[in-house]
C-alpha atoms as a PDB file:
ATOM      1  CA  MET A   1      -4.291 198.161  28.083  1.00  0.00           C
ATOM      2  CA  ASN A   2      -5.944 199.163  24.811  1.00  0.00           C
ATOM      3  CA  ARG A   3      -7.700 196.866  22.401  1.00  0.00           C
ATOM      4  CA  ASN A   4      -4.686 196.445  20.105  1.00  0.00           C
ATOM      5  CA  ASP A   5      -2.526 195.454  23.078  1.00  0.00           C
ATOM      6  CA  ILE A   6      -5.093 192.852  24.138  1.00  0.00           C
ATOM      7  CA  GLU A   7      -5.320 191.405  20.638  1.00  0.00           C
ATOM      8  CA  GLN A   8      -1.526 191.306  20.312  1.00  0.00           C
ATOM      9  CA  LEU A   9      -1.158 189.583  23.692  1.00  0.00           C
ATOM     10  CA  THR A  10      -3.877 187.106  22.715  1.00  0.00           C
ATOM     11  CA  ASP A  11      -2.006 186.272  19.521  1.00  0.00           C
ATOM     12  CA  GLU A  12       1.273 185.917  21.408  1.00  0.00           C
ATOM     13  CA  LEU A  13      -0.169 183.560  24.020  1.00  0.00           C
ATOM     14  CA  ILE A  14      -1.883 181.402  21.408  1.00  0.00           C
ATOM     15  CA  GLY A  15       1.324 181.319  19.363  1.00  0.00           C
ATOM     16  CA  GLU A  16       3.415 180.327  22.379  1.00  0.00           C
ATOM     17  CA  ALA A  17       0.967 177.544  23.234  1.00  0.00           C
ATOM     18  CA  VAL A  18       1.028 176.185  19.668  1.00  0.00           C
ATOM     19  CA  ILE A  19       4.834 176.321  19.531  1.00  0.00           C
ATOM     20  CA  SER A  20       5.014 174.463  22.825  1.00  0.00           C
ATOM     21  CA  LEU A  21       2.746 171.720  21.454  1.00  0.00           C
ATOM     22  CA  LEU A  22       4.787 171.487  18.251  1.00  0.00           C
ATOM     23  CA  LYS A  23       8.095 171.290  20.136  1.00  0.00           C
ATOM     24  CA  ARG A  24       6.735 168.343  22.130  1.00  0.00           C
ATOM     25  CA  LYS A  25       5.398 166.797  18.918  1.00  0.00           C
ATOM     26  CA  ALA A  26       1.997 166.723  20.568  1.00  0.00           C
ATOM     27  CA  PRO A  27      -1.197 166.791  18.530  1.00  0.00           C
ATOM     28  CA  VAL A  28      -2.376 170.320  17.819  1.00  0.00           C
ATOM     29  CA  SER A  29      -6.106 170.537  18.374  1.00  0.00           C
ATOM     30  CA  SER A  30      -8.473 172.969  20.015  1.00  0.00           C
ATOM     31  CA  MET A  31      -8.618 170.879  23.170  1.00  0.00           C
ATOM     32  CA  ALA A  32      -4.822 170.501  23.302  1.00  0.00           C
ATOM     33  CA  LEU A  33      -4.490 174.264  22.821  1.00  0.00           C
ATOM     34  CA  LEU A  34      -6.918 174.954  25.688  1.00  0.00           C
ATOM     35  CA  THR A  35      -5.065 172.527  27.942  1.00  0.00           C
ATOM     36  CA  GLU A  36      -1.727 174.124  27.075  1.00  0.00           C
ATOM     37  CA  LEU A  37      -3.084 177.631  27.705  1.00  0.00           C
ATOM     38  CA  ARG A  38      -4.409 176.586  31.113  1.00  0.00           C
ATOM     39  CA  THR A  39      -1.055 175.004  31.960  1.00  0.00           C
ATOM     40  CA  MET A  40       0.745 178.174  30.899  1.00  0.00           C
ATOM     41  CA  GLN A  41      -1.607 180.265  33.031  1.00  0.00           C
ATOM     42  CA  ALA A  42      -0.844 178.164  36.100  1.00  0.00           C
ATOM     43  CA  VAL A  43       2.883 178.909  35.888  1.00  0.00           C
ATOM     44  CA  GLU A  44       2.782 182.472  34.489  1.00  0.00           C
ATOM     45  CA  ARG A  45       4.409 185.016  36.789  1.00  0.00           C
ATOM     46  CA  ASP A  46       3.618 188.208  34.883  1.00  0.00           C
ATOM     47  CA  PRO A  47       0.290 189.522  36.268  1.00  0.00           C
ATOM     48  CA  ARG A  48      -0.637 191.193  32.962  1.00  0.00           C
ATOM     49  CA  ARG A  49      -0.131 187.999  30.972  1.00  0.00           C
ATOM     50  CA  ARG A  50      -1.760 185.818  33.662  1.00  0.00           C
ATOM     51  CA  GLY A  51      -4.791 188.100  33.626  1.00  0.00           C
ATOM     52  CA  ALA A  52      -5.155 187.720  29.850  1.00  0.00           C
ATOM     53  CA  PHE A  53      -5.489 183.941  29.875  1.00  0.00           C
ATOM     54  CA  PRO A  54      -9.223 183.825  30.755  1.00  0.00           C
ATOM     55  CA  GLN A  55      -9.999 185.995  27.719  1.00  0.00           C
ATOM     56  CA  VAL A  56      -7.772 183.890  25.478  1.00  0.00           C
ATOM     57  CA  VAL A  57      -9.416 180.677  26.680  1.00  0.00           C
ATOM     58  CA  ALA A  58     -12.864 182.230  26.176  1.00  0.00           C
ATOM     59  CA  TYR A  59     -11.861 183.244  22.659  1.00  0.00           C
ATOM     60  CA  ILE A  60     -10.689 179.717  21.759  1.00  0.00           C
ATOM     61  CA  GLU A  61     -13.834 178.216  23.272  1.00  0.00           C
ATOM     62  CA  GLY A  62     -15.868 180.679  21.201  1.00  0.00           C
ATOM     63  CA  VAL A  63     -14.098 179.613  18.031  1.00  0.00           C
ATOM     64  CA  MET A  64     -14.797 175.978  18.923  1.00  0.00           C
ATOM     65  CA  VAL A  65     -18.483 176.776  19.361  1.00  0.00           C
ATOM     66  CA  ASP A  66     -18.488 178.564  15.985  1.00  0.00           C
ATOM     67  CA  ASN A  67     -16.909 175.563  14.304  1.00  0.00           C
ATOM     68  CA  ASN A  68     -19.595 173.312  15.735  1.00  0.00           C
ATOM     69  CA  GLY A  69     -22.287 175.528  14.223  1.00  0.00           C
ATOM     70  CA  GLN A  70     -23.889 176.250  17.583  1.00  0.00           C
ATOM     71  CA  GLU A  71     -23.400 179.995  17.491  1.00  0.00           C
ATOM     72  CA  ALA A  72     -24.233 181.099  13.973  1.00  0.00           C
ATOM     73  CA  GLN A  73     -24.088 184.844  14.580  1.00  0.00           C
ATOM     74  CA  ALA A  74     -20.738 184.786  16.386  1.00  0.00           C
ATOM     75  CA  GLY A  75     -18.895 185.057  13.070  1.00  0.00           C
ATOM     76  CA  LYS A  76     -20.328 188.557  12.701  1.00  0.00           C
ATOM     77  CA  MET A  77     -18.778 189.695  15.994  1.00  0.00           C
ATOM     78  CA  ASN A  78     -15.332 191.084  16.524  1.00  0.00           C
ATOM     79  CA  HIS A  79     -12.919 189.511  19.016  1.00  0.00           C
ATOM     80  CA  GLN A  80     -13.864 191.722  21.973  1.00  0.00           C
ATOM     81  CA  GLU A  81     -17.622 191.232  21.450  1.00  0.00           C
ATOM     82  CA  ARG A  82     -17.174 187.471  21.281  1.00  0.00           C
ATOM     83  CA  VAL A  83     -15.164 187.403  24.524  1.00  0.00           C
ATOM     84  CA  GLN A  84     -17.797 189.555  26.213  1.00  0.00           C
ATOM     85  CA  VAL A  85     -20.621 187.281  25.060  1.00  0.00           C
ATOM     86  CA  ILE A  86     -18.807 184.183  26.271  1.00  0.00           C
ATOM     87  CA  ALA A  87     -17.878 185.813  29.577  1.00  0.00           C
ATOM     88  CA  GLU A  88     -21.524 186.716  30.142  1.00  0.00           C
ATOM     89  CA  GLY A  89     -22.576 183.131  29.460  1.00  0.00           C
ATOM     90  CA  THR A  90     -24.899 183.895  26.568  1.00  0.00           C
ATOM     91  CA  THR A  91     -24.981 183.033  22.898  1.00  0.00           C
ATOM     92  CA  ALA A  92     -24.814 185.605  20.147  1.00  0.00           C
ATOM     93  CA  THR A  93     -28.564 186.148  20.385  1.00  0.00           C
ATOM     94  CA  GLY A  94     -28.379 186.633  24.158  1.00  0.00           C
ATOM     95  CA  LYS A  95     -31.184 184.121  24.733  1.00  0.00           C
ATOM     96  CA  ASP A  96     -29.408 180.949  25.791  1.00  0.00           C
ATOM     97  CA  ASN A  97     -26.733 180.055  28.301  1.00  0.00           C
ATOM     98  CA  ILE A  98     -23.539 178.323  27.231  1.00  0.00           C
ATOM     99  CA  HIS A  99     -22.757 175.305  29.375  1.00  0.00           C
END
């Protein structure tokens, strides 16, 4: 799967999760989105889509960290770099672990 396919699938999964929350008239927040994505992953039957969920969750968690001002340089990274940094358990500087 190339980078554009990954980004498109990421957008689709996030969109589906948001629509699901809206249909249930549930609050739409970062935490609700993460919970919905994890629920979707648990019932997903398509191996390609199921395999994309960890990256999508890492991306959302990275955005949450950015919004809290804890990862100042993350805004300078592209999507793939941010997922890689989060997956490796380091901040944008590579000096600290994310817990």
